[in-house]
N, C-alpha and C. Protein backbone atom coordinates (compact mmCIF):
# COMPACT_ATOMS: atom_id res chain seq x y z
N ILE A 1 26.89 -13.59 48.60
CA ILE A 1 26.47 -12.33 49.18
C ILE A 1 26.04 -11.40 48.07
N ASN A 2 24.88 -10.84 48.21
CA ASN A 2 24.37 -9.88 47.24
C ASN A 2 24.44 -8.49 47.84
N ILE A 3 24.82 -7.53 47.04
CA ILE A 3 24.87 -6.14 47.49
C ILE A 3 23.91 -5.34 46.63
N PHE A 4 23.07 -4.55 47.25
CA PHE A 4 22.13 -3.69 46.56
C PHE A 4 22.33 -2.27 47.06
N ALA A 5 22.44 -1.35 46.16
CA ALA A 5 22.56 0.05 46.55
C ALA A 5 21.78 0.90 45.57
N PHE A 6 20.95 1.73 46.09
CA PHE A 6 20.17 2.67 45.29
C PHE A 6 20.47 4.06 45.83
N SER A 7 21.50 4.68 45.31
CA SER A 7 21.97 5.94 45.88
C SER A 7 20.92 7.03 45.80
N ASN A 8 20.08 7.03 44.77
CA ASN A 8 19.06 8.06 44.66
C ASN A 8 18.04 7.98 45.79
N TYR A 9 17.95 6.85 46.43
CA TYR A 9 16.97 6.65 47.47
C TYR A 9 17.62 6.45 48.84
N ALA A 10 18.92 6.67 48.92
CA ALA A 10 19.65 6.58 50.19
C ALA A 10 19.35 5.27 50.92
N ALA A 11 19.41 4.18 50.18
CA ALA A 11 19.18 2.87 50.77
C ALA A 11 20.26 1.93 50.27
N LYS A 12 20.72 1.07 51.17
CA LYS A 12 21.70 0.06 50.76
C LYS A 12 21.59 -1.12 51.69
N GLY A 13 22.07 -2.25 51.21
CA GLY A 13 21.98 -3.43 52.05
C GLY A 13 22.94 -4.50 51.60
N LEU A 14 23.31 -5.33 52.53
CA LEU A 14 24.15 -6.48 52.29
C LEU A 14 23.35 -7.70 52.74
N ALA A 15 23.14 -8.65 51.81
CA ALA A 15 22.30 -9.80 52.12
C ALA A 15 23.09 -11.09 51.95
N ASP A 16 22.67 -12.11 52.68
CA ASP A 16 23.29 -13.42 52.50
C ASP A 16 22.60 -14.18 51.37
N GLU A 17 23.04 -15.40 51.13
CA GLU A 17 22.50 -16.17 50.00
C GLU A 17 21.04 -16.57 50.19
N ASN A 18 20.51 -16.42 51.39
CA ASN A 18 19.11 -16.72 51.67
C ASN A 18 18.21 -15.49 51.59
N GLY A 19 18.81 -14.35 51.23
CA GLY A 19 18.03 -13.12 51.12
C GLY A 19 17.82 -12.38 52.42
N ARG A 20 18.52 -12.79 53.46
CA ARG A 20 18.42 -12.09 54.75
C ARG A 20 19.39 -10.91 54.74
N ILE A 21 18.89 -9.75 55.12
CA ILE A 21 19.73 -8.56 55.18
C ILE A 21 20.65 -8.68 56.40
N LEU A 22 21.95 -8.62 56.16
CA LEU A 22 22.94 -8.69 57.23
C LEU A 22 23.22 -7.32 57.81
N SER A 23 23.28 -6.34 56.94
CA SER A 23 23.41 -4.95 57.37
C SER A 23 22.82 -4.08 56.29
N GLY A 24 22.31 -2.95 56.71
CA GLY A 24 21.69 -2.09 55.72
C GLY A 24 21.34 -0.73 56.27
N GLU A 25 20.94 0.09 55.36
CA GLU A 25 20.50 1.44 55.69
C GLU A 25 19.24 1.69 54.86
N ASN A 26 18.14 1.94 55.53
CA ASN A 26 16.86 2.18 54.85
C ASN A 26 16.47 1.00 53.95
N GLU A 27 16.77 -0.21 54.40
CA GLU A 27 16.51 -1.38 53.56
C GLU A 27 15.03 -1.65 53.32
N ASN A 28 14.16 -1.00 54.06
CA ASN A 28 12.72 -1.15 53.83
C ASN A 28 12.10 0.09 53.20
N LEU A 29 12.94 0.97 52.69
CA LEU A 29 12.47 2.15 51.98
C LEU A 29 11.95 1.72 50.61
N VAL A 30 10.72 2.07 50.30
CA VAL A 30 10.10 1.70 49.03
C VAL A 30 10.63 2.64 47.94
N HIS A 31 10.99 2.05 46.80
CA HIS A 31 11.54 2.81 45.69
C HIS A 31 11.10 2.18 44.38
N PRO A 32 11.16 2.94 43.28
CA PRO A 32 10.84 2.35 41.97
C PRO A 32 11.88 1.30 41.60
N LEU A 33 11.43 0.26 40.91
CA LEU A 33 12.33 -0.84 40.56
C LEU A 33 13.07 -0.66 39.24
N ALA A 34 12.44 -0.08 38.27
CA ALA A 34 13.01 0.03 36.93
C ALA A 34 13.38 -1.37 36.44
N SER A 35 14.57 -1.54 35.88
CA SER A 35 14.94 -2.82 35.26
C SER A 35 15.09 -3.98 36.23
N LEU A 36 15.17 -3.73 37.52
CA LEU A 36 15.21 -4.84 38.48
C LEU A 36 13.93 -5.67 38.41
N THR A 37 12.87 -5.09 37.87
CA THR A 37 11.63 -5.82 37.66
C THR A 37 11.87 -7.07 36.83
N LYS A 38 12.81 -7.00 35.91
CA LYS A 38 13.06 -8.13 35.01
C LYS A 38 13.56 -9.36 35.76
N ILE A 39 14.08 -9.20 36.96
CA ILE A 39 14.47 -10.38 37.74
C ILE A 39 13.25 -11.24 38.01
N MET A 40 12.15 -10.61 38.42
CA MET A 40 10.92 -11.36 38.66
C MET A 40 10.37 -11.92 37.36
N THR A 41 10.40 -11.13 36.31
CA THR A 41 9.92 -11.63 35.01
C THR A 41 10.66 -12.90 34.63
N LEU A 42 11.96 -12.88 34.75
CA LEU A 42 12.76 -14.03 34.34
C LEU A 42 12.68 -15.18 35.33
N LEU A 43 12.40 -14.90 36.59
CA LEU A 43 12.15 -15.98 37.55
C LEU A 43 10.87 -16.72 37.15
N ILE A 44 9.82 -15.99 36.81
CA ILE A 44 8.57 -16.62 36.39
C ILE A 44 8.81 -17.46 35.12
N ILE A 45 9.54 -16.92 34.17
CA ILE A 45 9.85 -17.65 32.94
C ILE A 45 10.65 -18.91 33.27
N THR A 46 11.63 -18.78 34.13
CA THR A 46 12.44 -19.93 34.56
C THR A 46 11.56 -21.03 35.14
N GLU A 47 10.66 -20.65 36.02
CA GLU A 47 9.79 -21.65 36.64
C GLU A 47 8.87 -22.30 35.61
N LYS A 48 8.39 -21.54 34.64
CA LYS A 48 7.54 -22.11 33.59
C LYS A 48 8.34 -23.09 32.71
N ILE A 49 9.60 -22.79 32.48
CA ILE A 49 10.46 -23.71 31.73
C ILE A 49 10.67 -25.00 32.54
N GLU A 50 10.96 -24.85 33.83
CA GLU A 50 11.18 -26.01 34.69
C GLU A 50 9.94 -26.90 34.80
N LYS A 51 8.74 -26.31 34.71
CA LYS A 51 7.49 -27.06 34.77
C LYS A 51 7.06 -27.57 33.40
N ASN A 52 7.89 -27.33 32.38
CA ASN A 52 7.59 -27.72 31.00
C ASN A 52 6.32 -27.06 30.46
N GLU A 53 5.99 -25.89 30.98
CA GLU A 53 4.86 -25.13 30.44
C GLU A 53 5.28 -24.37 29.19
N ILE A 54 6.54 -23.99 29.14
CA ILE A 54 7.14 -23.41 27.93
C ILE A 54 8.53 -24.02 27.80
N SER A 55 9.15 -23.83 26.65
CA SER A 55 10.47 -24.40 26.39
C SER A 55 11.43 -23.31 25.94
N LEU A 56 12.70 -23.50 26.23
CA LEU A 56 13.73 -22.58 25.74
C LEU A 56 13.73 -22.54 24.21
N ASN A 57 13.24 -23.60 23.58
CA ASN A 57 13.23 -23.68 22.12
C ASN A 57 11.95 -23.15 21.48
N ASP A 58 10.96 -22.76 22.28
CA ASP A 58 9.73 -22.19 21.71
C ASP A 58 10.08 -20.97 20.87
N THR A 59 9.37 -20.82 19.76
CA THR A 59 9.53 -19.63 18.93
C THR A 59 8.49 -18.60 19.33
N VAL A 60 8.95 -17.37 19.50
CA VAL A 60 8.08 -16.27 19.89
C VAL A 60 8.14 -15.21 18.80
N THR A 61 6.98 -14.75 18.36
CA THR A 61 6.91 -13.67 17.38
C THR A 61 6.72 -12.35 18.13
N ILE A 62 7.56 -11.39 17.84
CA ILE A 62 7.51 -10.10 18.53
C ILE A 62 6.25 -9.34 18.11
N SER A 63 5.51 -8.90 19.10
CA SER A 63 4.24 -8.20 18.86
C SER A 63 4.48 -6.71 18.63
N LYS A 64 3.46 -6.06 18.16
CA LYS A 64 3.50 -4.61 17.99
C LYS A 64 3.75 -3.91 19.33
N GLU A 65 3.10 -4.42 20.39
CA GLU A 65 3.25 -3.81 21.72
C GLU A 65 4.70 -3.92 22.21
N ALA A 66 5.31 -5.08 22.02
CA ALA A 66 6.71 -5.26 22.45
C ALA A 66 7.63 -4.36 21.64
N ASP A 67 7.37 -4.25 20.35
CA ASP A 67 8.18 -3.43 19.46
C ASP A 67 8.14 -1.95 19.85
N ARG A 68 7.02 -1.49 20.34
CA ARG A 68 6.83 -0.05 20.62
C ARG A 68 7.37 0.40 21.98
N LEU A 69 7.85 -0.52 22.79
CA LEU A 69 8.34 -0.14 24.12
C LEU A 69 9.57 0.74 24.02
N ARG A 70 9.66 1.69 24.93
CA ARG A 70 10.82 2.58 24.98
C ARG A 70 11.81 2.08 26.03
N GLY A 71 12.84 2.83 26.25
CA GLY A 71 13.84 2.45 27.24
C GLY A 71 14.84 1.48 26.67
N SER A 72 15.50 0.74 27.55
CA SER A 72 16.52 -0.21 27.10
C SER A 72 15.86 -1.27 26.21
N SER A 73 16.56 -1.62 25.15
CA SER A 73 15.96 -2.44 24.12
C SER A 73 16.95 -3.43 23.54
N ALA A 74 16.42 -4.56 23.09
CA ALA A 74 17.22 -5.53 22.33
C ALA A 74 17.05 -5.27 20.84
N HIS A 75 16.36 -4.17 20.49
CA HIS A 75 16.15 -3.75 19.10
C HIS A 75 15.39 -4.79 18.29
N LEU A 76 14.30 -5.27 18.89
CA LEU A 76 13.46 -6.25 18.24
C LEU A 76 12.31 -5.53 17.54
N SER A 77 11.99 -5.96 16.36
CA SER A 77 10.91 -5.35 15.59
C SER A 77 9.73 -6.30 15.49
N GLU A 78 8.55 -5.73 15.34
CA GLU A 78 7.34 -6.52 15.17
C GLU A 78 7.54 -7.54 14.07
N GLY A 79 7.15 -8.78 14.36
CA GLY A 79 7.26 -9.85 13.39
C GLY A 79 8.53 -10.68 13.50
N PHE A 80 9.57 -10.15 14.18
CA PHE A 80 10.77 -10.96 14.39
C PHE A 80 10.38 -12.23 15.13
N LYS A 81 11.06 -13.31 14.81
CA LYS A 81 10.84 -14.58 15.49
C LYS A 81 12.12 -15.00 16.20
N LEU A 82 12.02 -15.17 17.50
CA LEU A 82 13.16 -15.58 18.32
C LEU A 82 12.73 -16.69 19.26
N THR A 83 13.70 -17.41 19.78
CA THR A 83 13.40 -18.46 20.76
C THR A 83 13.26 -17.84 22.14
N VAL A 84 12.63 -18.57 23.02
CA VAL A 84 12.54 -18.16 24.41
C VAL A 84 13.95 -17.95 24.97
N GLU A 85 14.87 -18.85 24.61
CA GLU A 85 16.24 -18.72 25.10
C GLU A 85 16.88 -17.40 24.65
N GLU A 86 16.70 -17.04 23.39
CA GLU A 86 17.27 -15.78 22.90
C GLU A 86 16.64 -14.59 23.61
N LEU A 87 15.34 -14.64 23.80
CA LEU A 87 14.66 -13.54 24.49
C LEU A 87 15.07 -13.46 25.96
N PHE A 88 15.26 -14.61 26.58
CA PHE A 88 15.71 -14.65 27.98
C PHE A 88 17.05 -13.92 28.10
N LYS A 89 17.98 -14.27 27.22
CA LYS A 89 19.30 -13.64 27.26
C LYS A 89 19.20 -12.16 26.94
N ALA A 90 18.36 -11.79 25.98
CA ALA A 90 18.21 -10.38 25.62
C ALA A 90 17.61 -9.57 26.76
N ALA A 91 16.66 -10.15 27.49
CA ALA A 91 16.06 -9.46 28.63
C ALA A 91 17.04 -9.33 29.78
N LEU A 92 17.81 -10.38 30.01
CA LEU A 92 18.73 -10.40 31.15
C LEU A 92 20.01 -9.61 30.89
N ILE A 93 20.63 -9.86 29.77
CA ILE A 93 21.94 -9.27 29.50
C ILE A 93 21.83 -7.86 28.92
N HIS A 94 20.89 -7.67 28.00
CA HIS A 94 20.72 -6.35 27.37
C HIS A 94 19.66 -5.52 28.08
N SER A 95 19.02 -6.08 29.09
CA SER A 95 17.92 -5.43 29.80
C SER A 95 16.84 -5.01 28.82
N GLY A 96 16.60 -5.83 27.82
CA GLY A 96 15.65 -5.49 26.77
C GLY A 96 14.21 -5.53 27.24
N ASN A 97 13.61 -4.35 27.28
CA ASN A 97 12.19 -4.27 27.63
C ASN A 97 11.34 -5.03 26.61
N ASP A 98 11.71 -4.91 25.34
CA ASP A 98 10.98 -5.60 24.29
C ASP A 98 11.05 -7.11 24.47
N ALA A 99 12.19 -7.62 24.84
CA ALA A 99 12.36 -9.05 25.06
C ALA A 99 11.56 -9.53 26.28
N ALA A 100 11.61 -8.78 27.37
CA ALA A 100 10.87 -9.15 28.58
C ALA A 100 9.37 -9.15 28.32
N TYR A 101 8.90 -8.16 27.60
CA TYR A 101 7.48 -8.06 27.29
C TYR A 101 7.04 -9.22 26.41
N ALA A 102 7.85 -9.55 25.41
CA ALA A 102 7.54 -10.67 24.51
C ALA A 102 7.48 -11.98 25.29
N LEU A 103 8.39 -12.18 26.23
CA LEU A 103 8.37 -13.38 27.06
C LEU A 103 7.09 -13.44 27.90
N ALA A 104 6.70 -12.31 28.47
CA ALA A 104 5.48 -12.26 29.28
C ALA A 104 4.26 -12.62 28.44
N GLN A 105 4.19 -12.07 27.24
CA GLN A 105 3.07 -12.38 26.36
C GLN A 105 3.06 -13.87 25.99
N HIS A 106 4.22 -14.41 25.70
CA HIS A 106 4.31 -15.82 25.34
C HIS A 106 3.88 -16.72 26.49
N ALA A 107 4.31 -16.39 27.68
CA ALA A 107 4.06 -17.25 28.85
C ALA A 107 2.62 -17.18 29.34
N SER A 108 1.98 -16.02 29.17
CA SER A 108 0.65 -15.85 29.77
C SER A 108 -0.42 -15.35 28.81
N GLY A 109 -0.05 -15.09 27.59
CA GLY A 109 -1.03 -14.59 26.63
C GLY A 109 -1.06 -13.08 26.54
N ASP A 110 -0.89 -12.42 27.67
CA ASP A 110 -0.83 -10.95 27.68
C ASP A 110 -0.06 -10.49 28.92
N ALA A 111 0.40 -9.26 28.88
CA ALA A 111 1.23 -8.72 29.96
C ALA A 111 0.46 -8.62 31.28
N GLU A 112 -0.81 -8.28 31.22
CA GLU A 112 -1.59 -8.10 32.45
C GLU A 112 -1.70 -9.42 33.22
N SER A 113 -1.95 -10.50 32.52
CA SER A 113 -2.03 -11.81 33.18
C SER A 113 -0.68 -12.20 33.77
N PHE A 114 0.39 -11.86 33.07
CA PHE A 114 1.73 -12.17 33.55
C PHE A 114 2.04 -11.38 34.82
N VAL A 115 1.63 -10.12 34.87
CA VAL A 115 1.88 -9.28 36.06
C VAL A 115 1.18 -9.88 37.27
N LYS A 116 0.01 -10.47 37.07
CA LYS A 116 -0.67 -11.14 38.18
C LYS A 116 0.19 -12.27 38.74
N LEU A 117 0.82 -13.04 37.84
CA LEU A 117 1.73 -14.10 38.29
C LEU A 117 2.91 -13.53 39.07
N MET A 118 3.43 -12.40 38.61
CA MET A 118 4.55 -11.75 39.29
C MET A 118 4.16 -11.37 40.72
N ASN A 119 2.99 -10.79 40.89
CA ASN A 119 2.55 -10.38 42.22
C ASN A 119 2.22 -11.58 43.10
N GLU A 120 1.70 -12.65 42.51
CA GLU A 120 1.47 -13.88 43.28
C GLU A 120 2.79 -14.45 43.78
N LYS A 121 3.81 -14.44 42.93
CA LYS A 121 5.13 -14.95 43.33
C LYS A 121 5.73 -14.06 44.41
N ALA A 122 5.58 -12.75 44.27
CA ALA A 122 6.07 -11.84 45.31
C ALA A 122 5.42 -12.15 46.65
N TYR A 123 4.14 -12.45 46.64
CA TYR A 123 3.44 -12.81 47.86
C TYR A 123 4.01 -14.10 48.44
N GLN A 124 4.24 -15.10 47.58
CA GLN A 124 4.81 -16.38 48.02
C GLN A 124 6.19 -16.19 48.65
N LEU A 125 6.95 -15.24 48.11
CA LEU A 125 8.30 -14.98 48.62
C LEU A 125 8.31 -14.03 49.82
N ASN A 126 7.11 -13.66 50.27
CA ASN A 126 6.98 -12.75 51.42
C ASN A 126 7.59 -11.38 51.14
N MET A 127 7.45 -10.93 49.91
CA MET A 127 7.92 -9.60 49.51
C MET A 127 6.80 -8.61 49.82
N LYS A 128 6.73 -8.19 51.08
CA LYS A 128 5.59 -7.43 51.59
C LYS A 128 5.47 -6.01 51.06
N ASN A 129 6.57 -5.45 50.60
CA ASN A 129 6.56 -4.06 50.15
C ASN A 129 6.78 -3.92 48.65
N THR A 130 6.34 -4.92 47.91
CA THR A 130 6.57 -4.95 46.46
C THR A 130 5.24 -5.02 45.72
N VAL A 131 5.15 -4.22 44.67
CA VAL A 131 4.01 -4.27 43.75
C VAL A 131 4.57 -4.20 42.34
N PHE A 132 4.22 -5.20 41.54
CA PHE A 132 4.61 -5.20 40.13
C PHE A 132 3.43 -4.72 39.30
N ARG A 133 3.75 -3.88 38.32
CA ARG A 133 2.72 -3.35 37.43
C ARG A 133 3.06 -3.60 35.96
N SER A 134 4.27 -4.11 35.72
CA SER A 134 4.70 -4.38 34.34
C SER A 134 5.75 -5.49 34.37
N PRO A 135 5.96 -6.17 33.23
CA PRO A 135 7.03 -7.16 33.18
C PRO A 135 8.39 -6.56 32.86
N THR A 136 8.44 -5.23 32.68
CA THR A 136 9.66 -4.57 32.21
C THR A 136 10.30 -3.61 33.20
N GLY A 137 9.51 -3.03 34.07
CA GLY A 137 10.00 -1.98 34.95
C GLY A 137 9.69 -0.58 34.43
N LEU A 138 9.16 -0.50 33.22
CA LEU A 138 8.77 0.80 32.67
C LEU A 138 7.51 1.31 33.37
N PRO A 139 7.42 2.63 33.57
CA PRO A 139 6.18 3.17 34.14
C PRO A 139 5.01 2.90 33.19
N ARG A 140 3.86 2.64 33.75
CA ARG A 140 2.66 2.47 32.93
C ARG A 140 2.18 3.83 32.45
N LEU A 141 1.27 3.82 31.50
CA LEU A 141 0.75 5.08 30.97
C LEU A 141 0.09 5.92 32.04
N ASP A 142 -0.47 5.27 33.06
CA ASP A 142 -1.10 6.01 34.15
C ASP A 142 -0.08 6.51 35.18
N GLY A 143 1.21 6.26 34.92
CA GLY A 143 2.27 6.75 35.80
C GLY A 143 2.64 5.81 36.92
N ASN A 144 1.90 4.73 37.10
CA ASN A 144 2.22 3.78 38.17
C ASN A 144 3.51 3.04 37.87
N LEU A 145 4.30 2.84 38.91
CA LEU A 145 5.61 2.20 38.79
C LEU A 145 5.64 0.88 39.57
N ASP A 146 6.52 0.00 39.16
CA ASP A 146 6.84 -1.17 39.97
C ASP A 146 7.63 -0.64 41.17
N ILE A 147 7.30 -1.10 42.36
CA ILE A 147 7.99 -0.63 43.56
C ILE A 147 8.42 -1.80 44.43
N SER A 148 9.49 -1.57 45.20
CA SER A 148 9.98 -2.59 46.11
C SER A 148 10.96 -1.96 47.09
N THR A 149 11.57 -2.83 47.87
CA THR A 149 12.60 -2.43 48.83
C THR A 149 13.83 -3.31 48.62
N ILE A 150 14.92 -2.89 49.18
CA ILE A 150 16.13 -3.71 49.11
C ILE A 150 15.90 -5.05 49.80
N SER A 151 15.18 -5.05 50.91
CA SER A 151 14.89 -6.31 51.61
C SER A 151 14.13 -7.27 50.72
N ASP A 152 13.15 -6.77 50.00
CA ASP A 152 12.38 -7.64 49.12
C ASP A 152 13.19 -8.09 47.91
N ILE A 153 14.01 -7.22 47.37
CA ILE A 153 14.84 -7.61 46.22
C ILE A 153 15.86 -8.67 46.63
N ALA A 154 16.33 -8.61 47.85
CA ALA A 154 17.25 -9.64 48.34
C ALA A 154 16.54 -11.00 48.36
N LYS A 155 15.28 -11.02 48.77
CA LYS A 155 14.51 -12.27 48.76
C LYS A 155 14.34 -12.78 47.33
N LEU A 156 14.03 -11.86 46.43
CA LEU A 156 13.82 -12.23 45.03
C LEU A 156 15.08 -12.79 44.39
N THR A 157 16.19 -12.10 44.55
CA THR A 157 17.42 -12.57 43.91
C THR A 157 17.93 -13.86 44.53
N SER A 158 17.75 -14.03 45.82
CA SER A 158 18.19 -15.28 46.43
C SER A 158 17.37 -16.45 45.89
N GLU A 159 16.10 -16.21 45.59
CA GLU A 159 15.27 -17.25 44.98
C GLU A 159 15.68 -17.50 43.54
N ALA A 160 15.91 -16.44 42.79
CA ALA A 160 16.26 -16.58 41.36
C ALA A 160 17.53 -17.38 41.16
N ILE A 161 18.54 -17.13 41.98
CA ILE A 161 19.82 -17.82 41.76
C ILE A 161 19.82 -19.27 42.23
N LYS A 162 18.72 -19.72 42.79
CA LYS A 162 18.58 -21.15 43.13
C LYS A 162 18.28 -21.98 41.88
N HIS A 163 17.90 -21.33 40.81
CA HIS A 163 17.49 -22.01 39.59
C HIS A 163 18.64 -22.04 38.59
N PRO A 164 19.07 -23.24 38.18
CA PRO A 164 20.21 -23.36 37.26
C PRO A 164 20.06 -22.57 35.97
N ILE A 165 18.86 -22.51 35.41
CA ILE A 165 18.66 -21.76 34.17
C ILE A 165 18.97 -20.28 34.39
N PHE A 166 18.41 -19.71 35.44
CA PHE A 166 18.65 -18.30 35.74
C PHE A 166 20.13 -18.05 35.99
N LEU A 167 20.73 -18.92 36.78
CA LEU A 167 22.14 -18.76 37.13
C LEU A 167 23.02 -18.87 35.89
N LYS A 168 22.72 -19.81 35.01
CA LYS A 168 23.51 -19.99 33.79
C LYS A 168 23.53 -18.72 32.95
N TYR A 169 22.38 -18.14 32.69
CA TYR A 169 22.33 -16.98 31.82
C TYR A 169 22.75 -15.69 32.52
N SER A 170 22.57 -15.61 33.81
CA SER A 170 22.99 -14.40 34.51
C SER A 170 24.51 -14.32 34.64
N SER A 171 25.20 -15.42 34.40
CA SER A 171 26.66 -15.39 34.47
C SER A 171 27.30 -14.97 33.15
N LEU A 172 26.50 -14.86 32.08
CA LEU A 172 27.04 -14.43 30.79
C LEU A 172 27.34 -12.94 30.81
N LYS A 173 28.42 -12.56 30.15
CA LYS A 173 28.77 -11.14 30.06
C LYS A 173 28.24 -10.50 28.79
N GLU A 174 28.04 -11.32 27.77
CA GLU A 174 27.51 -10.81 26.51
C GLU A 174 26.81 -11.92 25.77
N THR A 175 25.99 -11.52 24.81
CA THR A 175 25.29 -12.50 23.98
C THR A 175 24.90 -11.84 22.67
N SER A 176 24.62 -12.66 21.71
CA SER A 176 24.07 -12.14 20.47
C SER A 176 22.81 -12.94 20.15
N ILE A 177 21.90 -12.31 19.48
CA ILE A 177 20.68 -12.97 19.09
C ILE A 177 20.51 -12.80 17.59
N SER A 178 19.82 -13.75 16.98
CA SER A 178 19.61 -13.66 15.54
C SER A 178 18.25 -13.03 15.26
N THR A 179 18.30 -11.90 14.57
CA THR A 179 17.03 -11.21 14.24
C THR A 179 16.86 -11.12 12.75
């Protein structure tokens, strides 16, 4: 059972393991996602690992763009080299915007192409009230935000936890990365 509550938006919901809302209040109210966006980012990365398109052992060099991101951070600097596995843990456990952005760049070449994958996956999951605009949850320079509903996030998380890689790392309470 997953519980989602966004008190600032007066919405809450209780969902089963299949992402169906069992009870809720304003569960279809659209709200900004912030760091919950990283669930979709890491689901896409998980699926790319499972398809052998990328590997947990791939080395990723942190770009200037990833280094300059604000908000929650894994404190990665331009030029650092980390594995996909280290970045996955940093994005998930530390909510590192820099790590999530670096993963998106590695998986798709650039963040914009990765966001297209995120929106395609949202469509596949029938997340009708969701729009992704970044792999991090940070507002874009034009002010546009990633948006969703509790109902859609329930669908997303129920899909994410079906994958052993996602489940393995989401159960960790802490991690360290070598920089």
